[in-house]
Amino acid sequence: MAYLLWALGGWCGTPWRHWPPPPPPGDPWLVSRIAGVLGGLGGGYLAASTFASDPMPGLVCAIIGGRVVSDLVGRFSGPKGG
């Protein structure tokens, strides 16, 4: 159950893609979401292994980890140009 919460925390930590306009070509929004879930799982696992007695740091670190990883992926995989 904790892994599911960490994955959701990573998903929620990802910046929101505004709808209904479709994303521009080359927009890495979906890739950023998947990276956010992976970052959330990693952040939640690291916090849970450090603070084993309290589940709250795992969720907070999942949100932070998801945001950091999704921002890095979005920064380096976005459309290139001036």
Protein backbone atom coordinates (compact mmCIF):
# COMPACT_ATOMS: atom_id res chain seq x y z
CA MET A 1 0.00 0.00 0.00
CA ALA A 2 2.87 2.35 0.75
CA TYR A 3 4.24 1.92 -2.78
CA LEU A 4 0.90 2.95 -4.24
CA LEU A 5 0.84 6.11 -2.09
CA TRP A 6 4.41 6.94 -3.06
CA ALA A 7 3.58 6.49 -6.76
CA LEU A 8 0.53 8.75 -6.38
CA GLY A 9 2.68 11.28 -4.53
CA GLY A 10 5.16 11.26 -7.39
CA TRP A 11 2.33 11.66 -9.92
CA CYS A 12 0.92 14.61 -7.96
CA GLY A 13 4.35 16.20 -7.66
CA THR A 14 4.54 16.51 -11.43
CA PRO A 15 3.64 19.93 -12.88
CA TRP A 16 0.13 20.04 -14.31
CA ARG A 17 -0.34 20.02 -18.07
CA HIS A 18 -3.13 22.44 -18.92
CA TRP A 19 -5.98 20.96 -20.91
CA PRO A 20 -7.85 21.08 -23.37
CA PRO A 21 -5.15 22.40 -25.70
CA PRO A 22 -3.04 19.49 -26.92
CA PRO A 23 0.62 19.57 -25.93
CA PRO A 24 2.94 21.09 -28.51
CA PRO A 25 5.04 18.68 -30.55
CA GLY A 26 7.98 17.38 -28.58
CA ASP A 27 6.43 18.14 -25.18
CA PRO A 28 7.72 15.55 -22.68
CA TRP A 29 4.66 15.75 -20.40
CA LEU A 30 3.89 12.02 -20.30
CA VAL A 31 7.56 11.13 -19.88
CA SER A 32 7.73 13.64 -17.02
CA ARG A 33 4.73 11.98 -15.36
CA ILE A 34 6.32 8.54 -15.56
CA ALA A 35 9.60 9.94 -14.24
CA GLY A 36 7.65 11.62 -11.44
CA VAL A 37 6.14 8.30 -10.41
CA LEU A 38 9.59 6.70 -10.38
CA GLY A 39 10.98 9.64 -8.41
CA GLY A 40 8.09 9.33 -5.97
CA LEU A 41 8.79 5.65 -5.46
CA GLY A 42 12.49 6.36 -4.92
CA GLY A 43 11.90 9.27 -2.55
CA GLY A 44 9.30 7.37 -0.56
CA TYR A 45 11.53 4.33 -0.26
CA LEU A 46 14.53 6.38 0.90
CA ALA A 47 12.49 8.23 3.50
CA ALA A 48 10.77 5.07 4.72
CA SER A 49 14.09 3.31 5.13
CA THR A 50 15.46 6.29 7.08
CA PHE A 51 12.38 7.09 9.20
CA ALA A 52 10.91 3.61 9.64
CA SER A 53 8.59 4.49 12.52
CA ASP A 54 6.59 7.25 10.79
CA PRO A 55 4.88 6.92 7.37
CA MET A 56 4.46 10.67 6.77
CA PRO A 57 8.06 11.46 5.71
CA GLY A 58 7.74 8.79 3.02
CA LEU A 59 4.78 10.55 1.42
CA VAL A 60 6.37 13.99 1.68
CA CYS A 61 9.62 12.76 0.14
CA ALA A 62 7.62 10.98 -2.57
CA ILE A 63 6.04 14.29 -3.58
CA ILE A 64 9.38 16.10 -3.46
CA GLY A 65 11.18 13.29 -5.31
CA GLY A 66 8.51 13.19 -7.99
CA ARG A 67 8.71 16.93 -8.51
CA VAL A 68 12.51 17.02 -8.70
CA VAL A 69 12.83 14.09 -11.10
CA SER A 70 9.99 15.28 -13.35
CA ASP A 71 11.49 18.78 -13.51
CA LEU A 72 14.88 17.36 -14.46
CA VAL A 73 13.39 15.17 -17.16
CA GLY A 74 11.28 18.04 -18.49
CA ARG A 75 14.28 20.33 -18.49
CA PHE A 76 16.58 18.00 -20.40
CA SER A 77 14.10 16.30 -22.74
CA GLY A 78 12.01 19.29 -23.80
CA PRO A 79 12.05 20.96 -27.18
CA LYS A 80 15.40 22.50 -27.96
CA GLY A 81 15.68 25.96 -29.33
CA GLY A 82 16.31 29.59 -28.65
